[in-house]
Amino acid sequence: MTAPPHTAHPAGSGRPLPDTQQGMRRRNLARVMHTVRAEGRLSRAAVASRIGLTRAAVSTLVDELIRSGLLEELGPERPGRVGRPGSALAVSASGPAGIGAEIGVDHLAVCAVDLRGRMRARAVRHGGNRGRSAGPVLEQLTGLVRRVVTEAEAEGLWPAGLAVAVPGLVARDATTVVRAPNLDWHDTDLGELLAADLPLTVDNEANFGALAELWLGDRTPRDFLHVSAEIGIGAAVVVDGRLLRGTRGFAGELGHVPVHPDGPACACGGHGCLEQYAGEEAVLRASGLTPGENRVGLLAQRATEGDERVRRALTGAGTALGIALTGAVNLLDPESVVLGGALAELAPWLLPALSEELARRTAGPACPVTVSALGPQGPLLGAAHSVVRTVLDDPAAIAERA
């Protein structure tokens, strides 16, 4: 069993719908979905007022979305409103769900998120994936996907698609992992190996982490640089609410920016890359700690307890991050830098040196650095929510399947 081909427009691509009568209908269906999702319980009249269409037009659109299982009627609106109460609408708690998956160096994770944005099922497998061939890893991931789908279906949901976050370079508009140094995977097509039987999207974990921050973060700006870490370090650039992907889809490889060109060899083939100074394993080595489970938690615990060697290692990592980020900030002029993933938990000890380097080296005013509240869950949540956004952006595609 092979998953269907990946749609040619990944999450965050913002593909415009054709400017035809059918295209206008599809856009209006999406406007209704986004409006109800953003504001919660709304009457048809309230939706019409929000999006500037007639009540009759909105009623037709709403009826179509209800028939498709995307909206549901909850009964009369809240008491206290003037006039005849309308029937309140809400995004359906059943129906389509986004399935997100993450392939990490030392874990696999899968979750299901409904159209309201709630996580309804989750499965995790801990264990090293470095040096393993892709086939067995993806077989285990398929098993987790099926487990999560079964749990979601028991709650009245059905999978609208699967999005997989990977720690490596992914070919633009494709499902091929071109290179994942920390997994030692090269030119690996997940679409050929995943037996999930769902529309498939594959993207870099940093990209999904940035999208999660954009969609779920608290007052996240529309222009920011998102930096995250597991074994390696990734980054994603968001400009005006959209990912900056680059010609081949490889933008954001901050972890392989040289900090000290004559430094130690990196898995990418270069020398002195940022990962060799600020990646988890590099910090553990500098701290004198043995890699194991919950590495970040161990570093945070030791730093909190006042372990000077650990604190020096984290200060060094913050300095290296600041040096690497300076080039990106000077080049892109983002509104802010957001630390996510493992970096979020270690931020109290990374930020002083990182901010000092940015302030000292940045050509313009110092760029503010914030810490993501999503932490290491960002890539998985971003993957699942990217499928949900696909449904919200083009509900007609679901309606046509209903």
Protein backbone atom coordinates (compact mmCIF):
# COMPACT_ATOMS: atom_id res chain seq x y z
CA MET A 1 0.00 0.00 0.00
CA THR A 2 1.42 3.36 -1.01
CA ALA A 3 0.25 6.80 0.07
CA PRO A 4 -1.28 8.94 -2.69
CA PRO A 5 1.01 11.52 -4.28
CA HIS A 6 1.71 14.67 -2.34
CA THR A 7 -0.29 17.68 -3.48
CA ALA A 8 1.95 20.12 -5.29
CA HIS A 9 1.39 22.95 -2.84
CA PRO A 10 2.63 22.33 0.71
CA ALA A 11 1.50 24.03 3.88
CA GLY A 12 1.95 27.76 3.87
CA SER A 13 2.20 27.98 0.07
CA GLY A 14 -0.91 30.15 -0.21
CA ARG A 15 -1.91 28.95 -3.71
CA PRO A 16 -4.62 31.30 -5.05
CA LEU A 17 -7.86 29.84 -6.34
CA PRO A 18 -8.85 30.64 -9.93
CA ASP A 19 -10.79 33.87 -10.50
CA THR A 20 -13.93 32.20 -11.84
CA GLN A 21 -17.46 31.72 -10.51
CA GLN A 22 -16.42 28.34 -9.15
CA GLY A 23 -13.25 29.85 -7.72
CA MET A 24 -15.30 32.60 -6.04
CA ARG A 25 -17.57 29.98 -4.46
CA ARG A 26 -14.57 28.09 -3.13
CA ARG A 27 -13.07 31.28 -1.71
CA ASN A 28 -16.35 32.21 -0.01
CA LEU A 29 -16.67 28.76 1.53
CA ALA A 30 -13.16 29.23 2.93
CA ARG A 31 -14.05 32.70 4.24
CA VAL A 32 -17.05 31.28 6.10
CA MET A 33 -14.95 28.48 7.61
CA HIS A 34 -12.16 30.78 8.74
CA THR A 35 -14.61 33.30 10.21
CA VAL A 36 -16.50 30.71 12.27
CA ARG A 37 -13.25 29.01 13.34
CA ALA A 38 -11.73 32.33 14.47
CA GLU A 39 -14.74 33.64 16.40
CA GLY A 40 -16.50 30.54 17.66
CA ARG A 41 -20.31 30.58 17.90
CA LEU A 42 -21.77 32.85 15.19
CA SER A 43 -25.16 33.10 13.53
CA ARG A 44 -25.51 33.15 9.75
CA ALA A 45 -26.37 36.84 9.97
CA ALA A 46 -23.20 37.51 11.96
CA VAL A 47 -21.10 35.62 9.42
CA ALA A 48 -22.69 37.63 6.59
CA SER A 49 -21.86 40.85 8.41
CA ARG A 50 -18.24 39.77 8.99
CA ILE A 51 -17.46 38.81 5.40
CA GLY A 52 -19.69 41.29 3.54
CA LEU A 53 -22.04 38.87 1.76
CA THR A 54 -25.83 38.74 1.81
CA ARG A 55 -27.57 36.56 4.34
CA ALA A 56 -29.05 34.47 1.55
CA ALA A 57 -25.63 33.84 0.01
CA VAL A 58 -24.12 32.92 3.37
CA SER A 59 -27.05 30.64 4.18
CA THR A 60 -26.43 28.70 0.96
CA LEU A 61 -22.73 28.37 1.77
CA VAL A 62 -23.44 27.34 5.36
CA ASP A 63 -25.93 24.68 4.27
CA GLU A 64 -23.28 23.20 2.00
CA LEU A 65 -20.71 23.18 4.78
CA ILE A 66 -23.17 21.56 7.21
CA ARG A 67 -23.97 18.82 4.68
CA SER A 68 -20.23 18.22 4.31
CA GLY A 69 -19.79 17.82 8.07
CA LEU A 70 -17.55 20.88 8.39
CA LEU A 71 -19.96 23.11 10.34
CA GLU A 72 -22.63 22.26 12.87
CA GLU A 73 -25.58 24.15 14.33
CA LEU A 74 -25.59 24.46 18.11
CA GLY A 75 -29.06 25.89 18.65
CA PRO A 76 -30.13 29.47 19.48
CA GLU A 77 -27.47 32.11 20.06
CA ARG A 78 -26.62 33.35 23.53
CA PRO A 79 -29.53 35.04 25.37
CA GLY A 80 -29.58 38.80 25.72
CA ARG A 81 -29.35 39.64 22.02
CA VAL A 82 -31.92 41.99 20.47
CA GLY A 83 -34.33 40.52 17.93
CA ARG A 84 -35.11 36.98 16.91
CA PRO A 85 -32.24 34.69 17.91
CA GLY A 86 -30.44 32.91 15.10
CA SER A 87 -29.02 29.43 15.24
CA ALA A 88 -25.39 29.50 16.34
CA LEU A 89 -22.80 27.90 14.08
CA ALA A 90 -19.52 26.28 15.06
CA VAL A 91 -16.79 24.34 13.34
CA SER A 92 -17.63 20.65 13.62
CA ALA A 93 -16.12 18.67 16.47
CA SER A 94 -16.30 15.58 14.29
CA GLY A 95 -15.54 15.09 10.60
CA PRO A 96 -12.10 15.82 9.08
CA ALA A 97 -8.98 15.76 11.22
CA GLY A 98 -5.37 16.57 10.49
CA ILE A 99 -2.85 13.82 11.16
CA GLY A 100 0.61 15.12 12.01
CA ALA A 101 3.75 13.02 12.40
CA GLU A 102 7.32 13.74 13.39
CA ILE A 103 10.44 11.70 12.68
CA GLY A 104 13.04 12.66 15.24
CA VAL A 105 16.54 11.33 15.74
CA ASP A 106 15.44 9.62 18.94
CA HIS A 107 11.66 9.38 18.67
CA LEU A 108 8.59 9.07 16.45
CA ALA A 109 5.34 10.89 17.23
CA VAL A 110 1.88 11.11 15.65
CA CYS A 111 -1.21 13.10 16.63
CA ALA A 112 -4.70 13.92 15.36
CA VAL A 113 -6.10 17.47 15.54
CA ASP A 114 -9.74 18.30 14.81
CA LEU A 115 -11.02 21.34 12.92
CA ARG A 116 -11.38 23.24 16.20
CA GLY A 117 -7.66 22.82 16.78
CA ARG A 118 -7.94 20.32 19.63
CA MET A 119 -5.59 17.35 19.84
CA ARG A 120 -7.78 14.25 19.97
CA ALA A 121 -5.25 11.40 19.84
CA ARG A 122 -1.49 10.99 20.21
CA ALA A 123 1.10 8.21 20.08
CA VAL A 124 4.86 8.34 20.71
CA ARG A 125 7.67 5.82 20.30
CA HIS A 126 11.01 6.58 21.95
CA GLY A 127 14.14 5.04 20.49
CA GLY A 128 17.09 5.95 18.33
CA ASN A 129 16.59 6.32 14.57
CA ARG A 130 20.09 7.45 13.64
CA GLY A 131 21.80 4.97 11.34
CA ARG A 132 18.61 2.97 10.73
CA SER A 133 17.42 2.57 7.17
CA ALA A 134 14.25 4.44 6.30
CA GLY A 135 12.12 1.36 5.65
CA PRO A 136 11.88 0.03 9.23
CA VAL A 137 11.51 3.53 10.67
CA LEU A 138 8.62 4.33 8.34
CA GLU A 139 7.03 0.96 9.02
CA GLN A 140 6.94 1.85 12.71
CA LEU A 141 5.64 5.31 11.90
CA THR A 142 2.86 3.78 9.79
CA GLY A 143 1.87 1.66 12.79
CA LEU A 144 1.62 4.79 14.96
CA VAL A 145 -0.41 6.57 12.28
CA ARG A 146 -2.87 3.70 12.10
CA ARG A 147 -3.18 3.64 15.90
CA VAL A 148 -3.94 7.38 16.01
CA VAL A 149 -6.37 7.16 13.09
CA THR A 150 -8.23 4.31 14.84
CA GLU A 151 -8.51 6.37 18.04
CA ALA A 152 -9.68 9.42 16.08
CA GLU A 153 -12.27 7.43 14.14
CA ALA A 154 -13.68 6.14 17.42
CA GLU A 155 -14.46 9.79 18.24
CA GLY A 156 -16.24 10.48 14.96
CA LEU A 157 -13.26 11.88 13.05
CA TRP A 158 -11.72 10.83 9.77
CA PRO A 159 -8.23 11.69 8.47
CA ALA A 160 -8.12 14.44 5.86
CA GLY A 161 -4.39 13.98 5.27
CA LEU A 162 -1.01 13.23 6.79
CA ALA A 163 1.85 15.72 7.20
CA VAL A 164 5.29 14.48 8.29
CA ALA A 165 8.01 16.63 9.85
CA VAL A 166 11.58 15.46 9.26
CA PRO A 167 14.99 16.77 10.40
CA GLY A 168 16.42 17.35 6.96
CA LEU A 169 16.17 18.91 3.52
CA VAL A 170 12.93 18.15 1.69
CA ALA A 171 12.55 18.73 -2.04
CA ARG A 172 10.09 21.52 -2.71
CA ASP A 173 6.60 20.34 -3.71
CA ALA A 174 7.61 16.71 -3.21
CA THR A 175 7.85 13.99 -0.56
CA THR A 176 11.55 13.27 -0.98
CA VAL A 177 14.00 13.80 1.87
CA VAL A 178 17.04 14.91 -0.10
CA ARG A 179 19.37 14.81 2.88
CA ALA A 180 18.94 14.28 6.61
CA PRO A 181 22.49 14.22 8.04
CA ASN A 182 21.49 13.26 11.58
CA LEU A 183 19.48 10.29 10.28
CA ASP A 184 21.97 9.50 7.48
CA TRP A 185 19.14 9.45 4.92
CA HIS A 186 19.67 10.53 1.32
CA ASP A 187 17.14 10.86 -1.52
CA THR A 188 14.47 9.00 0.44
CA ASP A 189 10.93 9.25 -0.93
CA LEU A 190 8.55 8.90 2.00
CA GLY A 191 5.61 8.63 -0.39
CA GLU A 192 6.96 5.29 -1.62
CA LEU A 193 7.66 3.90 1.85
CA LEU A 194 4.77 5.12 4.02
CA ALA A 195 1.79 2.77 3.83
CA ALA A 196 -0.65 5.26 5.29
CA ASP A 197 -3.10 5.60 2.36
CA LEU A 198 -3.58 9.32 3.00
CA PRO A 199 -2.78 12.49 1.05
CA LEU A 200 0.80 13.16 2.12
CA THR A 201 2.84 16.28 2.83
CA VAL A 202 6.48 16.15 3.93
CA ASP A 203 8.41 19.17 5.19
CA ASN A 204 11.35 20.19 7.33
CA GLU A 205 10.61 20.15 11.06
CA ALA A 206 11.73 23.77 11.46
CA ASN A 207 9.20 24.86 8.85
CA PHE A 208 6.37 23.10 10.65
CA GLY A 209 7.58 24.55 13.95
CA ALA A 210 7.46 28.04 12.48
CA LEU A 211 3.96 27.48 11.10
CA ALA A 212 2.80 26.27 14.51
CA GLU A 213 4.22 29.43 16.04
CA LEU A 214 2.47 31.56 13.42
CA TRP A 215 -0.91 29.86 13.86
CA LEU A 216 -0.87 29.01 17.57
CA GLY A 217 1.62 31.38 19.18
CA ASP A 218 0.64 34.22 21.47
CA ARG A 219 0.85 37.50 19.52
CA THR A 220 3.42 36.12 17.08
CA PRO A 221 4.33 38.71 14.42
CA ARG A 222 3.93 37.94 10.71
CA ASP A 223 7.65 38.49 10.07
CA PHE A 224 10.00 36.44 12.23
CA LEU A 225 12.87 33.99 12.25
CA HIS A 226 12.09 30.75 14.07
CA VAL A 227 15.02 28.74 15.46
CA SER A 228 14.60 25.28 16.98
CA ALA A 229 16.78 22.40 18.04
CA GLU A 230 16.82 18.70 18.69
CA ILE A 231 20.08 16.92 17.85
CA GLY A 232 20.55 19.48 15.11
CA ILE A 233 19.52 23.10 14.73
CA GLY A 234 17.00 24.30 12.19
CA ALA A 235 15.49 27.62 11.28
CA ALA A 236 12.59 28.89 9.24
CA VAL A 237 11.89 32.37 7.92
CA VAL A 238 8.33 33.71 7.89
CA VAL A 239 7.71 36.84 5.80
CA ASP A 240 4.26 38.46 5.81
CA GLY A 241 2.74 35.30 7.24
CA ARG A 242 4.28 32.94 4.68
CA LEU A 243 7.28 30.65 4.73
CA LEU A 244 10.30 31.75 2.75
CA ARG A 245 11.25 28.41 1.21
CA GLY A 246 13.96 29.21 -1.32
CA THR A 247 14.24 27.96 -4.89
CA ARG A 248 14.64 24.29 -3.94
CA GLY A 249 12.86 24.45 -0.58
CA PHE A 250 16.09 24.37 1.43
CA ALA A 251 15.94 27.82 3.07
CA GLY A 252 16.65 28.00 6.79
CA GLU A 253 19.60 25.64 7.27
CA LEU A 254 21.01 27.73 10.10
CA GLY A 255 22.57 24.73 11.81
CA HIS A 256 25.08 24.39 8.98
CA VAL A 257 26.14 28.01 8.89
CA PRO A 258 29.86 28.08 9.78
CA VAL A 259 30.55 29.79 13.10
CA HIS A 260 34.26 28.93 13.11
CA PRO A 261 35.26 27.71 9.60
CA ASP A 262 38.29 25.84 10.94
CA GLY A 263 36.25 24.08 13.62
CA PRO A 264 35.32 20.40 13.98
CA ALA A 265 33.90 18.35 11.12
CA CYS A 266 30.10 18.25 10.78
CA ALA A 267 27.85 15.47 9.46
CA CYS A 268 26.93 17.76 6.55
CA GLY A 269 30.54 17.63 5.29
CA GLY A 270 31.49 21.12 6.43
CA HIS A 271 33.55 22.33 9.38
CA GLY A 272 32.75 24.54 12.34
CA CYS A 273 28.98 24.55 11.74
CA LEU A 274 26.67 26.00 14.38
CA GLU A 275 25.46 22.49 15.32
CA GLN A 276 28.99 21.67 16.47
CA TYR A 277 28.69 24.37 19.13
CA ALA A 278 24.99 24.71 19.94
CA GLY A 279 23.42 21.34 19.05
CA GLU A 280 22.29 19.13 21.94
CA GLU A 281 25.16 16.67 21.60
CA ALA A 282 27.74 19.46 21.40
CA VAL A 283 26.39 21.05 24.58
CA LEU A 284 26.33 17.69 26.36
CA ARG A 285 29.97 17.08 25.41
CA ALA A 286 30.99 20.52 26.63
CA SER A 287 29.05 19.87 29.85
CA GLY A 288 30.74 16.53 30.47
CA LEU A 289 27.38 14.72 30.46
CA THR A 290 26.57 11.40 28.81
CA PRO A 291 23.84 11.48 26.15
CA GLY A 292 20.68 9.65 27.16
CA GLU A 293 16.93 10.15 27.34
CA ASN A 294 15.58 13.58 28.29
CA ARG A 295 18.88 15.26 27.48
CA VAL A 296 17.43 18.75 27.51
CA GLY A 297 15.73 18.15 30.85
CA LEU A 298 19.04 17.01 32.30
CA LEU A 299 20.83 20.13 31.05
CA ALA A 300 18.10 22.39 32.44
CA GLN A 301 18.16 20.59 35.79
CA ARG A 302 21.94 20.83 36.14
CA ALA A 303 21.93 24.49 35.10
CA THR A 304 19.19 25.26 37.62
CA GLU A 305 21.22 23.54 40.32
CA GLY A 306 24.15 25.81 39.54
CA ASP A 307 26.45 23.36 37.70
CA GLU A 308 29.10 25.78 36.41
CA ARG A 309 30.34 23.50 33.63
CA VAL A 310 26.82 23.13 32.24
CA ARG A 311 26.23 26.87 32.50
CA ARG A 312 29.50 27.60 30.67
CA ALA A 313 28.48 25.15 27.94
CA LEU A 314 25.11 26.83 27.52
CA THR A 315 26.72 30.26 27.48
CA GLY A 316 29.04 29.06 24.72
CA ALA A 317 26.06 27.71 22.79
CA GLY A 318 24.26 31.05 23.19
CA THR A 319 27.32 32.87 21.85
CA ALA A 320 27.50 30.60 18.82
CA LEU A 321 23.78 31.06 18.19
CA GLY A 322 24.16 34.82 18.40
CA ILE A 323 27.01 34.81 15.87
CA ALA A 324 25.05 32.67 13.41
CA LEU A 325 21.84 34.62 13.89
CA THR A 326 23.56 37.95 13.33
CA GLY A 327 24.05 37.19 9.65
CA ALA A 328 20.42 36.16 9.24
CA VAL A 329 19.13 39.21 11.12
CA ASN A 330 21.32 41.61 9.15
CA LEU A 331 20.24 40.00 5.87
CA LEU A 332 16.49 39.60 6.54
CA ASP A 333 15.62 42.28 9.14
CA PRO A 334 12.91 40.19 10.88
CA GLU A 335 10.59 41.70 13.46
CA SER A 336 11.76 39.13 16.00
CA VAL A 337 13.64 35.90 16.55
CA VAL A 338 11.65 33.08 18.19
CA LEU A 339 13.42 30.27 20.04
CA GLY A 340 11.52 27.00 19.86
CA GLY A 341 12.06 23.30 20.40
CA ALA A 342 14.73 22.35 22.93
CA LEU A 343 16.07 25.90 22.82
CA ALA A 344 12.91 27.14 24.55
CA GLU A 345 13.59 25.06 27.66
CA LEU A 346 17.21 26.19 27.79
CA ALA A 347 16.45 29.83 27.02
CA PRO A 348 17.24 31.21 30.52
CA TRP A 349 20.91 30.25 30.06
CA LEU A 350 21.18 30.80 26.30
CA LEU A 351 19.56 34.22 26.01
CA PRO A 352 22.09 36.45 27.81
CA ALA A 353 25.03 35.51 25.55
CA LEU A 354 22.83 35.23 22.45
CA SER A 355 21.30 38.67 22.96
CA GLU A 356 24.69 40.19 23.71
CA GLU A 357 26.11 38.92 20.42
CA LEU A 358 23.09 40.15 18.46
CA ALA A 359 23.24 43.59 20.04
CA ARG A 360 27.00 43.84 19.41
CA ARG A 361 27.01 42.59 15.83
CA THR A 362 23.67 43.66 14.31
CA ALA A 363 23.92 46.66 12.00
CA GLY A 364 20.54 48.12 12.98
CA PRO A 365 18.66 48.18 16.29
CA ALA A 366 18.88 44.95 18.30
CA CYS A 367 16.33 42.37 17.17
CA PRO A 368 14.11 41.16 20.04
CA VAL A 369 14.32 37.47 20.92
CA THR A 370 11.26 35.69 22.32
CA VAL A 371 10.69 32.14 23.56
CA SER A 372 8.01 29.88 22.11
CA ALA A 373 5.42 28.48 24.50
CA LEU A 374 5.03 25.43 22.23
CA GLY A 375 8.50 24.06 22.97
CA PRO A 376 9.37 20.68 21.43
CA GLN A 377 5.74 20.05 20.41
CA GLY A 378 5.94 22.73 17.71
CA PRO A 379 6.86 20.57 14.66
CA LEU A 380 4.26 17.90 15.44
CA LEU A 381 1.52 20.47 16.05
CA GLY A 382 2.51 22.42 12.96
CA ALA A 383 2.28 19.27 10.84
CA ALA A 384 -1.20 18.37 12.09
CA HIS A 385 -2.49 21.93 11.86
CA SER A 386 -1.16 22.25 8.30
CA VAL A 387 -3.66 19.57 7.26
CA VAL A 388 -6.43 21.35 9.16
CA ARG A 389 -5.51 24.60 7.41
CA THR A 390 -5.73 22.84 4.06
CA VAL A 391 -9.34 21.91 4.89
CA LEU A 392 -10.17 25.44 6.06
CA ASP A 393 -8.50 27.00 3.01
CA ASP A 394 -10.44 24.87 0.53
CA PRO A 395 -13.48 23.26 2.20
CA ALA A 396 -15.01 22.70 -1.23
CA ALA A 397 -12.51 19.89 -1.76
CA ILE A 398 -14.01 18.13 1.28
CA ALA A 399 -17.54 19.02 0.19
CA GLU A 400 -16.91 17.36 -3.16
CA ARG A 401 -15.89 14.16 -1.36
CA ALA A 402 -18.93 14.19 0.94
